[in-house]
Amino acid sequence: MKIVGRGILISFAVWLGSCGGDGVKPVAPTVLPSSTPAPPRILNFQAMSGGYSSGTSAKFLRNGTSFYTGSRGFSVVGINMATGETVKPATTFDTWATRSFSGDSHQRVIDTLSDFPNGTLILIAVSDEAGLTLDDLGCLPSTPPGSLCCRPLGKPWADDLIRSLESLGADQIRNYCYRNSWAMIAVKGQGSKGEGLRVLSSFAVGYEFTLP
């Protein structure tokens, strides 16, 4: 037996006693096919944000295909980087609705981010309004920093949420103004892999990795 290339070359002879001869007749060698390793599987995830004047939606995409669309507030999903599957279903938290009284939705975002294990790929996107600043229905999302629409809400739950996002690696969230677009992709324990803030346009941040 000989090993040739990727296959196994088998040469052998069979005694042909029934043919009346005293010799052997060679049989053509047989090559057994070798297994070919599967190509690496590359995944690309995107988090898209649209503030009130920029589409009013949050979307998560896998390899260019949307798998979740969120409504007002923060949308969040965690991805297992060993499988490419969601750790648990994507969820939207209406942080604008509870911004002034209870902060319940703000706390739920914090709890969700805290529950993800280290190494989780986390996608976060704002749709419509984030509920982090003072607001006035007469102000525009293009209002410059320092105006009423960019001043911190001044509630402990909003401050706690900002700190939670910063612990993941966010460095632009404190610049968020009323009805802006904001999104981030981070790997928990490793920091931000992409973050963006826009005033009058929607946008997406993306991250690509190869499954092990």
C-alpha atoms as a PDB file:
ATOM      1  CA  MET A   1       0.000   0.000   0.000  1.00  0.00           C
ATOM      2  CA  LYS A   2       1.232   3.495  -0.864  1.00  0.00           C
ATOM      3  CA  ILE A   3       0.024   6.915   0.251  1.00  0.00           C
ATOM      4  CA  VAL A   4      -0.070   9.215  -2.775  1.00  0.00           C
ATOM      5  CA  GLY A   5      -1.035  12.897  -2.556  1.00  0.00           C
ATOM      6  CA  ARG A   6      -4.333  13.332  -0.786  1.00  0.00           C
ATOM      7  CA  GLY A   7      -5.694   9.907  -1.639  1.00  0.00           C
ATOM      8  CA  ILE A   8      -4.668   6.362  -0.821  1.00  0.00           C
ATOM      9  CA  LEU A   9      -3.250   4.376  -3.763  1.00  0.00           C
ATOM     10  CA  ILE A  10      -3.928   0.676  -3.325  1.00  0.00           C
ATOM     11  CA  SER A  11      -1.993  -1.797  -5.535  1.00  0.00           C
ATOM     12  CA  PHE A  12      -2.617  -5.473  -5.116  1.00  0.00           C
ATOM     13  CA  ALA A  13      -2.682  -8.735  -7.017  1.00  0.00           C
ATOM     14  CA  VAL A  14      -5.231 -11.527  -7.047  1.00  0.00           C
ATOM     15  CA  TRP A  15      -4.342 -15.212  -7.509  1.00  0.00           C
ATOM     16  CA  LEU A  16      -6.246 -16.469 -10.536  1.00  0.00           C
ATOM     17  CA  GLY A  17      -6.238 -20.172  -9.853  1.00  0.00           C
ATOM     18  CA  SER A  18      -9.419 -20.616 -11.815  1.00  0.00           C
ATOM     19  CA  CYS A  19      -7.666 -19.407 -15.005  1.00  0.00           C
ATOM     20  CA  GLY A  20      -5.238 -22.304 -14.943  1.00  0.00           C
ATOM     21  CA  GLY A  21      -2.153 -20.127 -14.626  1.00  0.00           C
ATOM     22  CA  ASP A  22       0.547 -20.086 -12.030  1.00  0.00           C
ATOM     23  CA  GLY A  23       0.977 -16.332 -11.914  1.00  0.00           C
ATOM     24  CA  VAL A  24      -0.858 -13.311 -10.713  1.00  0.00           C
ATOM     25  CA  LYS A  25      -2.840 -10.770 -12.600  1.00  0.00           C
ATOM     26  CA  PRO A  26      -2.357  -7.124 -11.523  1.00  0.00           C
ATOM     27  CA  VAL A  27      -5.454  -5.178 -10.755  1.00  0.00           C
ATOM     28  CA  ALA A  28      -5.696  -1.472 -11.591  1.00  0.00           C
ATOM     29  CA  PRO A  29      -4.917   0.729  -8.579  1.00  0.00           C
ATOM     30  CA  THR A  30      -7.839   2.384  -6.841  1.00  0.00           C
ATOM     31  CA  VAL A  31      -7.597   5.908  -5.475  1.00  0.00           C
ATOM     32  CA  LEU A  32      -9.811   6.714  -2.518  1.00  0.00           C
ATOM     33  CA  PRO A  33     -10.933  10.364  -2.449  1.00  0.00           C
ATOM     34  CA  SER A  34      -9.702  12.470   0.430  1.00  0.00           C
ATOM     35  CA  SER A  35     -11.947  14.731   2.487  1.00  0.00           C
ATOM     36  CA  THR A  36     -11.798  18.460   1.682  1.00  0.00           C
ATOM     37  CA  PRO A  37     -12.110  20.832   4.625  1.00  0.00           C
ATOM     38  CA  ALA A  38     -15.121  23.138   4.516  1.00  0.00           C
ATOM     39  CA  PRO A  39     -14.314  26.763   3.704  1.00  0.00           C
ATOM     40  CA  PRO A  40     -14.364  29.165   6.651  1.00  0.00           C
ATOM     41  CA  ARG A  41     -17.760  30.728   7.354  1.00  0.00           C
ATOM     42  CA  ILE A  42     -17.542  34.506   7.559  1.00  0.00           C
ATOM     43  CA  LEU A  43     -20.372  36.473   9.151  1.00  0.00           C
ATOM     44  CA  ASN A  44     -21.025  40.190   8.843  1.00  0.00           C
ATOM     45  CA  PHE A  45     -23.362  41.933  11.267  1.00  0.00           C
ATOM     46  CA  GLN A  46     -24.676  45.490  11.029  1.00  0.00           C
ATOM     47  CA  ALA A  47     -26.586  47.737  13.427  1.00  0.00           C
ATOM     48  CA  MET A  48     -28.544  50.504  11.691  1.00  0.00           C
ATOM     49  CA  SER A  49     -29.996  53.562  13.439  1.00  0.00           C
ATOM     50  CA  GLY A  50     -32.498  56.143  12.258  1.00  0.00           C
ATOM     51  CA  GLY A  51     -33.560  58.991  14.545  1.00  0.00           C
ATOM     52  CA  TYR A  52     -36.897  60.764  14.305  1.00  0.00           C
ATOM     53  CA  SER A  53     -35.956  62.689  11.159  1.00  0.00           C
ATOM     54  CA  SER A  54     -33.901  59.865   9.639  1.00  0.00           C
ATOM     55  CA  GLY A  55     -36.253  56.962   9.075  1.00  0.00           C
ATOM     56  CA  THR A  56     -37.360  56.318  12.666  1.00  0.00           C
ATOM     57  CA  SER A  57     -36.141  52.732  12.745  1.00  0.00           C
ATOM     58  CA  ALA A  58     -33.461  50.441  14.099  1.00  0.00           C
ATOM     59  CA  LYS A  59     -32.402  47.372  12.149  1.00  0.00           C
ATOM     60  CA  PHE A  60     -30.039  44.459  12.673  1.00  0.00           C
ATOM     61  CA  LEU A  61     -28.620  42.681   9.627  1.00  0.00           C
ATOM     62  CA  ARG A  62     -26.763  39.406   9.143  1.00  0.00           C
ATOM     63  CA  ASN A  63     -24.775  39.177   5.878  1.00  0.00           C
ATOM     64  CA  GLY A  64     -26.877  41.970   4.412  1.00  0.00           C
ATOM     65  CA  THR A  65     -30.258  40.501   5.364  1.00  0.00           C
ATOM     66  CA  SER A  66     -32.368  42.172   8.040  1.00  0.00           C
ATOM     67  CA  PHE A  67     -33.355  39.878  10.900  1.00  0.00           C
ATOM     68  CA  TYR A  68     -34.869  42.443  13.270  1.00  0.00           C
ATOM     69  CA  THR A  69     -36.542  45.857  13.046  1.00  0.00           C
ATOM     70  CA  GLY A  70     -37.052  47.855  16.223  1.00  0.00           C
ATOM     71  CA  SER A  71     -39.260  50.776  17.152  1.00  0.00           C
ATOM     72  CA  ARG A  72     -38.706  53.802  19.424  1.00  0.00           C
ATOM     73  CA  GLY A  73     -35.916  53.567  21.987  1.00  0.00           C
ATOM     74  CA  PHE A  74     -32.930  51.205  22.205  1.00  0.00           C
ATOM     75  CA  SER A  75     -32.890  47.897  20.315  1.00  0.00           C
ATOM     76  CA  VAL A  76     -30.429  45.289  21.581  1.00  0.00           C
ATOM     77  CA  VAL A  77     -29.316  41.815  20.529  1.00  0.00           C
ATOM     78  CA  GLY A  78     -26.418  39.553  21.539  1.00  0.00           C
ATOM     79  CA  ILE A  79     -24.668  37.151  19.140  1.00  0.00           C
ATOM     80  CA  ASN A  80     -22.786  34.005  20.153  1.00  0.00           C
ATOM     81  CA  MET A  81     -19.505  34.331  18.261  1.00  0.00           C
ATOM     82  CA  ALA A  82     -18.926  30.571  18.329  1.00  0.00           C
ATOM     83  CA  THR A  83     -22.170  29.789  16.484  1.00  0.00           C
ATOM     84  CA  GLY A  84     -23.341  33.045  14.909  1.00  0.00           C
ATOM     85  CA  GLU A  85     -26.744  32.624  16.539  1.00  0.00           C
ATOM     86  CA  THR A  86     -28.555  35.041  18.852  1.00  0.00           C
ATOM     87  CA  VAL A  87     -28.012  34.507  22.571  1.00  0.00           C
ATOM     88  CA  LYS A  88     -31.659  35.480  23.060  1.00  0.00           C
ATOM     89  CA  PRO A  89     -34.188  37.244  20.824  1.00  0.00           C
ATOM     90  CA  ALA A  90     -33.565  40.882  19.917  1.00  0.00           C
ATOM     91  CA  THR A  91     -35.608  43.333  21.989  1.00  0.00           C
ATOM     92  CA  THR A  92     -36.590  47.003  21.843  1.00  0.00           C
ATOM     93  CA  PHE A  93     -36.875  49.090  25.020  1.00  0.00           C
ATOM     94  CA  ASP A  94     -38.922  52.301  24.810  1.00  0.00           C
ATOM     95  CA  THR A  95     -36.632  54.472  26.905  1.00  0.00           C
ATOM     96  CA  TRP A  96     -38.369  57.654  25.750  1.00  0.00           C
ATOM     97  CA  ALA A  97     -41.728  56.605  27.233  1.00  0.00           C
ATOM     98  CA  THR A  98     -40.310  56.014  30.738  1.00  0.00           C
ATOM     99  CA  ARG A  99     -37.627  58.713  30.727  1.00  0.00           C
ATOM    100  CA  SER A 100     -39.282  61.158  33.147  1.00  0.00           C
ATOM    101  CA  PHE A 101     -41.051  58.985  35.719  1.00  0.00           C
ATOM    102  CA  SER A 102     -39.744  55.473  36.337  1.00  0.00           C
ATOM    103  CA  GLY A 103     -36.751  54.745  34.133  1.00  0.00           C
ATOM    104  CA  ASP A 104     -38.015  51.155  33.894  1.00  0.00           C
ATOM    105  CA  SER A 105     -36.969  50.724  30.263  1.00  0.00           C
ATOM    106  CA  HIS A 106     -33.546  52.238  30.951  1.00  0.00           C
ATOM    107  CA  GLN A 107     -32.983  49.665  33.693  1.00  0.00           C
ATOM    108  CA  ARG A 108     -34.100  46.829  31.437  1.00  0.00           C
ATOM    109  CA  VAL A 109     -31.473  47.815  28.867  1.00  0.00           C
ATOM    110  CA  ILE A 110     -28.836  47.850  31.610  1.00  0.00           C
ATOM    111  CA  ASP A 111     -29.948  44.442  32.894  1.00  0.00           C
ATOM    112  CA  THR A 112     -29.945  42.951  29.391  1.00  0.00           C
ATOM    113  CA  LEU A 113     -26.402  44.162  28.694  1.00  0.00           C
ATOM    114  CA  SER A 114     -25.271  42.902  32.092  1.00  0.00           C
ATOM    115  CA  ASP A 115     -26.702  39.426  31.449  1.00  0.00           C
ATOM    116  CA  PHE A 116     -24.656  38.824  28.302  1.00  0.00           C
ATOM    117  CA  PRO A 117     -21.503  36.775  28.999  1.00  0.00           C
ATOM    118  CA  ASN A 118     -18.078  38.107  28.079  1.00  0.00           C
ATOM    119  CA  GLY A 119     -17.239  37.442  24.449  1.00  0.00           C
ATOM    120  CA  THR A 120     -20.784  38.168  23.244  1.00  0.00           C
ATOM    121  CA  LEU A 121     -21.083  40.353  20.147  1.00  0.00           C
ATOM    122  CA  ILE A 122     -23.621  43.039  21.115  1.00  0.00           C
ATOM    123  CA  LEU A 123     -25.544  45.152  18.596  1.00  0.00           C
ATOM    124  CA  ILE A 124     -27.307  48.298  19.863  1.00  0.00           C
ATOM    125  CA  ALA A 125     -29.251  50.876  17.857  1.00  0.00           C
ATOM    126  CA  VAL A 126     -31.535  53.826  18.591  1.00  0.00           C
ATOM    127  CA  SER A 127     -34.772  54.403  16.708  1.00  0.00           C
ATOM    128  CA  ASP A 128     -36.697  57.702  16.867  1.00  0.00           C
ATOM    129  CA  GLU A 129     -35.543  58.892  20.325  1.00  0.00           C
ATOM    130  CA  ALA A 130     -33.338  57.504  23.092  1.00  0.00           C
ATOM    131  CA  GLY A 131     -34.728  59.262  26.177  1.00  0.00           C
ATOM    132  CA  LEU A 132     -31.344  60.455  27.441  1.00  0.00           C
ATOM    133  CA  THR A 133     -31.729  64.233  27.213  1.00  0.00           C
ATOM    134  CA  LEU A 134     -34.173  67.001  27.978  1.00  0.00           C
ATOM    135  CA  ASP A 135     -36.553  67.487  25.092  1.00  0.00           C
ATOM    136  CA  ASP A 136     -38.962  69.988  23.640  1.00  0.00           C
ATOM    137  CA  LEU A 137     -41.329  69.105  20.819  1.00  0.00           C
ATOM    138  CA  GLY A 138     -40.415  72.393  19.165  1.00  0.00           C
ATOM    139  CA  CYS A 139     -36.682  71.685  18.921  1.00  0.00           C
ATOM    140  CA  LEU A 140     -35.019  70.138  15.914  1.00  0.00           C
ATOM    141  CA  PRO A 141     -32.587  67.203  15.952  1.00  0.00           C
ATOM    142  CA  SER A 142     -29.998  69.539  14.425  1.00  0.00           C
ATOM    143  CA  THR A 143     -29.958  71.750  17.517  1.00  0.00           C
ATOM    144  CA  PRO A 144     -26.286  72.399  18.416  1.00  0.00           C
ATOM    145  CA  PRO A 145     -24.687  71.025  21.598  1.00  0.00           C
ATOM    146  CA  GLY A 146     -25.414  73.096  24.698  1.00  0.00           C
ATOM    147  CA  SER A 147     -29.018  73.790  23.743  1.00  0.00           C
ATOM    148  CA  LEU A 148     -31.994  72.423  25.653  1.00  0.00           C
ATOM    149  CA  CYS A 149     -32.208  69.397  23.361  1.00  0.00           C
ATOM    150  CA  CYS A 150     -28.656  68.280  24.163  1.00  0.00           C
ATOM    151  CA  ARG A 151     -28.689  68.769  27.920  1.00  0.00           C
ATOM    152  CA  PRO A 152     -28.598  65.583  30.028  1.00  0.00           C
ATOM    153  CA  LEU A 153     -31.951  64.371  31.279  1.00  0.00           C
ATOM    154  CA  GLY A 154     -30.717  64.615  34.858  1.00  0.00           C
ATOM    155  CA  LYS A 155     -32.336  61.371  35.964  1.00  0.00           C
ATOM    156  CA  PRO A 156     -30.265  58.651  37.652  1.00  0.00           C
ATOM    157  CA  TRP A 157     -31.545  55.934  35.311  1.00  0.00           C
ATOM    158  CA  ALA A 158     -30.394  57.887  32.237  1.00  0.00           C
ATOM    159  CA  ASP A 159     -26.967  58.435  33.791  1.00  0.00           C
ATOM    160  CA  ASP A 160     -26.750  54.739  34.696  1.00  0.00           C
ATOM    161  CA  LEU A 161     -27.583  53.697  31.129  1.00  0.00           C
ATOM    162  CA  ILE A 162     -24.942  56.019  29.686  1.00  0.00           C
ATOM    163  CA  ARG A 163     -22.340  54.551  32.047  1.00  0.00           C
ATOM    164  CA  SER A 164     -23.422  51.027  31.099  1.00  0.00           C
ATOM    165  CA  LEU A 165     -22.931  51.794  27.407  1.00  0.00           C
ATOM    166  CA  GLU A 166     -19.569  53.399  28.126  1.00  0.00           C
ATOM    167  CA  SER A 167     -18.495  50.255  29.987  1.00  0.00           C
ATOM    168  CA  LEU A 168     -18.979  48.387  26.696  1.00  0.00           C
ATOM    169  CA  GLY A 169     -16.785  50.904  24.890  1.00  0.00           C
ATOM    170  CA  ALA A 170     -19.102  53.742  23.795  1.00  0.00           C
ATOM    171  CA  ASP A 171     -17.370  57.119  23.591  1.00  0.00           C
ATOM    172  CA  GLN A 172     -19.965  59.189  21.678  1.00  0.00           C
ATOM    173  CA  ILE A 173     -23.134  58.522  23.646  1.00  0.00           C
ATOM    174  CA  ARG A 174     -22.697  61.617  25.855  1.00  0.00           C
ATOM    175  CA  ASN A 175     -22.884  63.731  22.692  1.00  0.00           C
ATOM    176  CA  TYR A 176     -26.327  62.351  21.879  1.00  0.00           C
ATOM    177  CA  CYS A 177     -29.009  65.034  21.372  1.00  0.00           C
ATOM    178  CA  TYR A 178     -32.773  64.765  21.122  1.00  0.00           C
ATOM    179  CA  ARG A 179     -33.870  62.513  18.219  1.00  0.00           C
ATOM    180  CA  ASN A 180     -30.338  61.818  16.955  1.00  0.00           C
ATOM    181  CA  SER A 181     -29.281  58.508  15.395  1.00  0.00           C
ATOM    182  CA  TRP A 182     -26.814  56.379  17.380  1.00  0.00           C
ATOM    183  CA  ALA A 183     -25.582  52.782  17.082  1.00  0.00           C
ATOM    184  CA  MET A 184     -22.741  50.605  18.330  1.00  0.00           C
ATOM    185  CA  ILE A 185     -21.366  47.097  17.949  1.00  0.00           C
ATOM    186  CA  ALA A 186     -19.178  45.806  20.782  1.00  0.00           C
ATOM    187  CA  VAL A 187     -17.700  42.574  22.025  1.00  0.00           C
ATOM    188  CA  LYS A 188     -18.350  42.410  25.745  1.00  0.00           C
ATOM    189  CA  GLY A 189     -15.065  42.461  27.616  1.00  0.00           C
ATOM    190  CA  GLN A 190     -13.148  43.684  24.537  1.00  0.00           C
ATOM    191  CA  GLY A 191     -14.725  47.056  23.774  1.00  0.00           C
ATOM    192  CA  SER A 192     -16.380  48.802  20.849  1.00  0.00           C
ATOM    193  CA  LYS A 193     -15.935  47.440  17.331  1.00  0.00           C
ATOM    194  CA  GLY A 194     -17.797  50.336  15.741  1.00  0.00           C
ATOM    195  CA  GLU A 195     -19.890  53.299  16.908  1.00  0.00           C
ATOM    196  CA  GLY A 196     -21.603  56.190  15.182  1.00  0.00           C
ATOM    197  CA  LEU A 197     -23.681  59.292  15.910  1.00  0.00           C
ATOM    198  CA  ARG A 198     -25.601  61.265  13.285  1.00  0.00           C
ATOM    199  CA  VAL A 199     -27.871  64.309  13.463  1.00  0.00           C
ATOM    200  CA  LEU A 200     -30.014  64.235  10.314  1.00  0.00           C
ATOM    201  CA  SER A 201     -29.238  60.898   8.676  1.00  0.00           C
ATOM    202  CA  SER A 202     -29.528  57.190   9.287  1.00  0.00           C
ATOM    203  CA  PHE A 203     -26.406  55.003   9.144  1.00  0.00           C
ATOM    204  CA  ALA A 204     -25.057  51.577  10.028  1.00  0.00           C
ATOM    205  CA  VAL A 205     -21.992  50.242  11.810  1.00  0.00           C
ATOM    206  CA  GLY A 206     -20.712  46.778  10.956  1.00  0.00           C
ATOM    207  CA  TYR A 207     -18.434  44.037  12.207  1.00  0.00           C
ATOM    208  CA  GLU A 208     -17.204  40.876  10.491  1.00  0.00           C
ATOM    209  CA  PHE A 209     -15.787  37.703  12.025  1.00  0.00           C
ATOM    210  CA  THR A 210     -15.057  34.098  11.118  1.00  0.00           C
ATOM    211  CA  LEU A 211     -16.713  31.244  12.959  1.00  0.00           C
ATOM    212  CA  PRO A 212     -14.248  28.891  14.692  1.00  0.00           C
END
